[in-house]
N, C-alpha and C. Protein backbone atom coordinates (compact mmCIF):
# COMPACT_ATOMS: atom_id res chain seq x y z
N MET A 1 194.27 94.92 -32.29
CA MET A 1 195.10 96.17 -31.71
C MET A 1 196.09 95.87 -30.51
N GLN A 2 197.91 96.75 -30.65
CA GLN A 2 198.58 96.65 -30.07
C GLN A 2 199.39 97.45 -29.02
N CYS A 3 199.48 97.05 -28.29
CA CYS A 3 199.63 97.99 -26.77
C CYS A 3 201.13 99.18 -27.33
N TRP A 4 201.06 100.51 -26.82
CA TRP A 4 202.24 100.97 -28.10
C TRP A 4 203.53 100.75 -26.93
N ILE A 5 203.47 100.81 -26.32
CA ILE A 5 204.75 100.08 -25.62
C ILE A 5 205.34 99.16 -25.54
N CYS A 6 204.72 98.24 -25.22
CA CYS A 6 205.02 96.47 -25.60
C CYS A 6 204.59 95.53 -26.63
N ALA A 7 203.76 96.26 -26.98
CA ALA A 7 203.10 95.69 -28.49
C ALA A 7 202.23 93.97 -28.01
N SER A 8 201.75 93.80 -26.48
CA SER A 8 201.29 93.28 -26.31
C SER A 8 200.29 93.33 -27.04
N PRO A 9 198.79 92.98 -26.76
CA PRO A 9 196.91 93.46 -27.10
C PRO A 9 196.74 94.18 -26.21
N ALA A 10 196.09 95.05 -26.83
CA ALA A 10 195.13 96.56 -26.06
C ALA A 10 194.18 96.56 -25.31
N SER A 11 194.20 97.07 -24.00
CA SER A 11 192.87 96.54 -23.34
C SER A 11 192.24 98.11 -23.58
N GLY A 12 192.77 98.90 -24.12
CA GLY A 12 192.05 100.12 -23.65
C GLY A 12 193.05 101.51 -24.44
N VAL A 13 192.81 102.33 -24.73
CA VAL A 13 193.28 104.26 -25.43
C VAL A 13 193.44 104.37 -24.37
N CYS A 14 194.72 105.74 -25.01
CA CYS A 14 194.86 106.80 -23.69
C CYS A 14 193.87 108.02 -24.20
N ARG A 15 192.85 108.17 -23.11
CA ARG A 15 192.17 109.85 -22.92
C ARG A 15 192.46 111.14 -23.52
N PHE A 16 194.11 111.05 -23.99
CA PHE A 16 194.45 112.16 -23.72
C PHE A 16 194.74 112.31 -25.60
N CYS A 17 195.29 110.98 -25.58
CA CYS A 17 196.27 110.97 -27.29
C CYS A 17 196.00 109.38 -28.64
N GLY A 18 195.63 109.39 -27.62
CA GLY A 18 194.54 108.21 -28.36
C GLY A 18 195.41 106.60 -28.06
N ARG A 19 196.90 106.13 -27.70
CA ARG A 19 197.51 105.17 -28.08
C ARG A 19 197.19 104.92 -27.39
N ALA A 20 196.93 103.20 -28.01
CA ALA A 20 196.31 102.20 -27.62
C ALA A 20 197.58 100.93 -26.12
N VAL A 21 197.09 100.60 -25.65
CA VAL A 21 197.76 99.82 -23.60
C VAL A 21 197.18 99.07 -23.59
N CYS A 22 198.01 98.01 -23.39
CA CYS A 22 198.20 96.65 -22.51
C CYS A 22 196.87 97.34 -20.69
N ARG A 23 196.60 96.14 -20.19
CA ARG A 23 196.37 96.32 -19.00
C ARG A 23 197.29 97.19 -18.02
N ASP A 24 198.74 96.21 -18.52
CA ASP A 24 200.64 95.78 -17.70
C ASP A 24 200.61 97.53 -17.77
N ASP A 25 200.83 98.17 -18.81
CA ASP A 25 200.94 99.35 -18.80
C ASP A 25 200.16 100.90 -19.08
N ALA A 26 199.47 100.38 -19.03
CA ALA A 26 198.55 101.86 -18.54
C ALA A 26 198.49 101.74 -17.27
N LYS A 27 197.58 103.11 -16.81
CA LYS A 27 198.09 104.79 -15.99
C LYS A 27 197.08 104.99 -15.95
N ASN A 28 196.49 105.55 -15.22
CA ASN A 28 195.77 107.10 -14.72
C ASN A 28 195.70 108.15 -14.63
N HIS A 29 195.26 109.27 -15.11
CA HIS A 29 195.77 110.63 -15.14
C HIS A 29 194.10 111.43 -14.58
N VAL A 30 194.39 112.02 -14.20
CA VAL A 30 192.84 113.46 -13.82
C VAL A 30 192.52 113.52 -15.26
N PHE A 31 191.34 114.05 -16.07
CA PHE A 31 191.65 114.45 -17.01
C PHE A 31 189.31 115.65 -16.73
N VAL A 32 189.91 116.61 -17.38
CA VAL A 32 189.07 117.65 -17.15
C VAL A 32 187.67 117.32 -17.80
N LEU A 33 186.16 116.78 -17.84
CA LEU A 33 185.18 116.60 -18.96
C LEU A 33 185.01 118.16 -19.31
N GLU A 34 185.09 118.80 -17.98
CA GLU A 34 184.31 120.34 -18.47
C GLU A 34 184.08 121.51 -17.77
N VAL A 35 184.47 122.63 -17.98
CA VAL A 35 184.48 123.73 -17.41
C VAL A 35 182.87 124.35 -16.67
N TYR A 36 182.59 124.97 -15.85
CA TYR A 36 181.63 126.13 -16.30
C TYR A 36 181.33 127.06 -14.75
N PRO A 37 181.16 128.14 -15.06
CA PRO A 37 181.11 129.26 -14.42
C PRO A 37 179.72 129.30 -13.55
N ALA A 38 179.29 129.01 -12.17
CA ALA A 38 178.83 129.26 -11.87
C ALA A 38 178.68 130.11 -10.09
N ASP A 39 177.96 130.62 -9.77
CA ASP A 39 178.05 131.73 -8.21
C ASP A 39 179.15 132.09 -8.34
N GLY A 40 179.88 133.34 -9.54
CA GLY A 40 180.89 133.76 -9.82
C GLY A 40 181.90 132.40 -9.61
N LYS A 41 182.33 131.77 -9.44
CA LYS A 41 183.26 130.78 -9.46
C LYS A 41 182.78 129.78 -10.62
N LEU A 42 184.28 129.05 -11.20
CA LEU A 42 184.72 127.50 -11.62
C LEU A 42 184.23 126.77 -11.66
N TYR A 43 183.62 125.24 -11.60
CA TYR A 43 183.37 124.01 -11.30
C TYR A 43 183.64 123.32 -12.21
N GLY A 44 184.00 122.01 -11.70
CA GLY A 44 184.40 121.04 -13.03
C GLY A 44 184.10 120.04 -13.04
N LEU A 45 183.71 119.16 -14.02
CA LEU A 45 183.49 118.39 -13.90
C LEU A 45 184.90 117.11 -14.63
N ALA A 46 185.47 116.17 -13.09
CA ALA A 46 186.12 115.90 -13.89
C ALA A 46 186.64 114.66 -13.93
N VAL A 47 187.45 113.53 -14.16
CA VAL A 47 187.37 112.11 -14.12
C VAL A 47 188.96 111.42 -13.07
N GLU A 48 188.66 111.56 -11.60
CA GLU A 48 190.03 111.24 -11.85
C GLU A 48 190.87 109.93 -12.15
N ASP A 49 190.74 108.65 -12.32
CA ASP A 49 190.94 107.95 -13.37
C ASP A 49 191.18 107.76 -14.41
N ALA A 50 191.04 108.56 -15.56
CA ALA A 50 190.87 107.90 -16.71
C ALA A 50 192.56 108.18 -17.49
N LEU A 51 191.85 106.78 -18.77
CA LEU A 51 193.13 105.49 -18.74
C LEU A 51 194.37 106.43 -19.76
N TYR A 52 195.78 106.58 -18.94
CA TYR A 52 196.41 107.29 -19.15
C TYR A 52 198.06 106.20 -19.81
N CYS A 53 198.96 106.89 -21.13
CA CYS A 53 199.62 105.61 -21.91
C CYS A 53 200.64 105.91 -21.33
N GLY A 54 200.51 107.45 -20.16
CA GLY A 54 202.67 107.75 -19.44
C GLY A 54 203.73 107.70 -20.95
N VAL A 55 203.21 107.87 -21.61
CA VAL A 55 203.72 108.10 -23.37
C VAL A 55 203.35 109.98 -23.19
N CYS A 56 202.45 110.16 -23.72
CA CYS A 56 202.60 111.73 -24.04
C CYS A 56 202.49 112.44 -22.67
N LYS A 57 202.32 113.71 -23.40
CA LYS A 57 202.67 114.37 -21.44
C LYS A 57 201.54 115.59 -21.45
N PRO A 58 200.68 115.83 -21.06
CA PRO A 58 199.47 116.54 -21.01
C PRO A 58 199.56 117.54 -20.56
N LYS A 59 199.24 118.74 -20.91
CA LYS A 59 199.25 120.49 -20.84
C LYS A 59 198.46 120.09 -19.65
N ALA A 60 199.71 121.27 -18.64
CA ALA A 60 199.49 121.50 -17.28
C ALA A 60 198.48 122.98 -17.45
N GLU A 61 198.79 123.93 -18.13
CA GLU A 61 198.27 124.87 -18.88
C GLU A 61 197.33 124.79 -19.90
N PRO A 62 196.29 125.96 -20.51
CA PRO A 62 195.77 126.06 -22.07
C PRO A 62 197.29 125.68 -23.08
N VAL A 63 196.14 125.81 -24.13
CA VAL A 63 197.43 126.24 -25.08
C VAL A 63 196.98 126.90 -26.44
N LYS A 64 197.50 129.04 -26.81
CA LYS A 64 196.26 129.17 -27.45
C LYS A 64 196.57 128.55 -28.75
N MET A 65 195.11 127.85 -29.34
CA MET A 65 194.59 127.88 -30.96
C MET A 65 195.25 129.59 -31.55
N ASP A 66 196.48 129.78 -32.05
CA ASP A 66 195.59 131.00 -33.03
C ASP A 66 195.39 130.64 -34.29
N PHE A 67 195.70 129.20 -35.01
CA PHE A 67 195.72 129.11 -35.59
C PHE A 67 194.38 128.56 -36.79
N LEU A 68 193.77 128.62 -35.26
CA LEU A 68 192.02 127.90 -36.28
C LEU A 68 191.81 128.90 -36.25
N GLU A 69 191.83 130.05 -34.89
CA GLU A 69 190.69 131.90 -35.87
C GLU A 69 191.21 132.10 -36.84
N ALA A 70 189.87 132.32 -38.04
CA ALA A 70 190.37 132.90 -39.01
C ALA A 70 190.45 134.21 -39.83
N PRO A 71 190.92 134.11 -40.41
CA PRO A 71 192.62 135.45 -40.32
C PRO A 71 191.12 137.39 -40.79
N ASP A 72 190.81 137.93 -40.22
CA ASP A 72 189.98 138.83 -39.83
C ASP A 72 190.28 140.15 -41.06
N SER A 73 188.82 139.29 -42.20
CA SER A 73 188.36 139.82 -43.53
C SER A 73 186.95 140.61 -43.46
N GLY A 74 187.04 141.25 -42.04
CA GLY A 74 186.47 142.57 -41.91
C GLY A 74 184.97 142.09 -41.43
N PRO A 75 183.40 142.34 -41.86
CA PRO A 75 182.52 142.11 -41.56
C PRO A 75 182.08 141.44 -42.08
N PRO A 76 180.09 140.05 -42.06
CA PRO A 76 180.13 139.88 -42.62
C PRO A 76 179.54 139.71 -43.40
N LYS A 77 180.11 139.33 -44.93
CA LYS A 77 179.15 140.14 -45.76
C LYS A 77 177.39 139.54 -45.80
N LYS A 78 176.31 140.58 -46.33
CA LYS A 78 174.33 140.16 -46.57
C LYS A 78 175.22 139.13 -47.53
N VAL A 79 173.84 138.10 -46.91
CA VAL A 79 173.95 136.89 -48.48
C VAL A 79 172.87 136.77 -48.75
N THR A 80 172.59 137.56 -49.86
CA THR A 80 171.22 137.25 -50.94
C THR A 80 171.18 135.76 -50.97
N LYS A 81 170.42 136.01 -52.46
CA LYS A 81 170.03 134.94 -53.20
C LYS A 81 171.25 135.74 -54.79
N SER A 82 171.54 136.82 -54.75
CA SER A 82 172.31 137.08 -56.00
C SER A 82 173.55 137.21 -55.63
N THR A 83 174.16 137.23 -54.36
CA THR A 83 175.54 137.12 -54.09
C THR A 83 176.12 135.74 -54.68
N PRO A 84 177.12 136.37 -55.68
CA PRO A 84 177.65 135.04 -55.80
C PRO A 84 178.67 134.69 -55.14
N THR A 85 178.80 132.65 -55.63
CA THR A 85 179.44 131.83 -55.20
C THR A 85 181.01 131.68 -54.06
N GLU A 86 181.94 131.77 -53.35
CA GLU A 86 183.31 131.99 -54.13
C GLU A 86 184.11 131.14 -54.07
């Protein structure tokens, strides 16, 4: 595998986009592994120095993923042995 930036042998891949990077071009960036509620507050597990290529642009704010939601087709159908498959 070659570095995305300089084409020398890669040492790892960016945690955010998967681009291969060598030791000279690799950077660090905070990566949040998980967020969970506790005691009425939100806590997070994070890696302070995750491998980062410096090319991609991780978003600081969440991105809405409407395209992943199924269209609303009403309540789910009850499945029985006689229900035909679609």
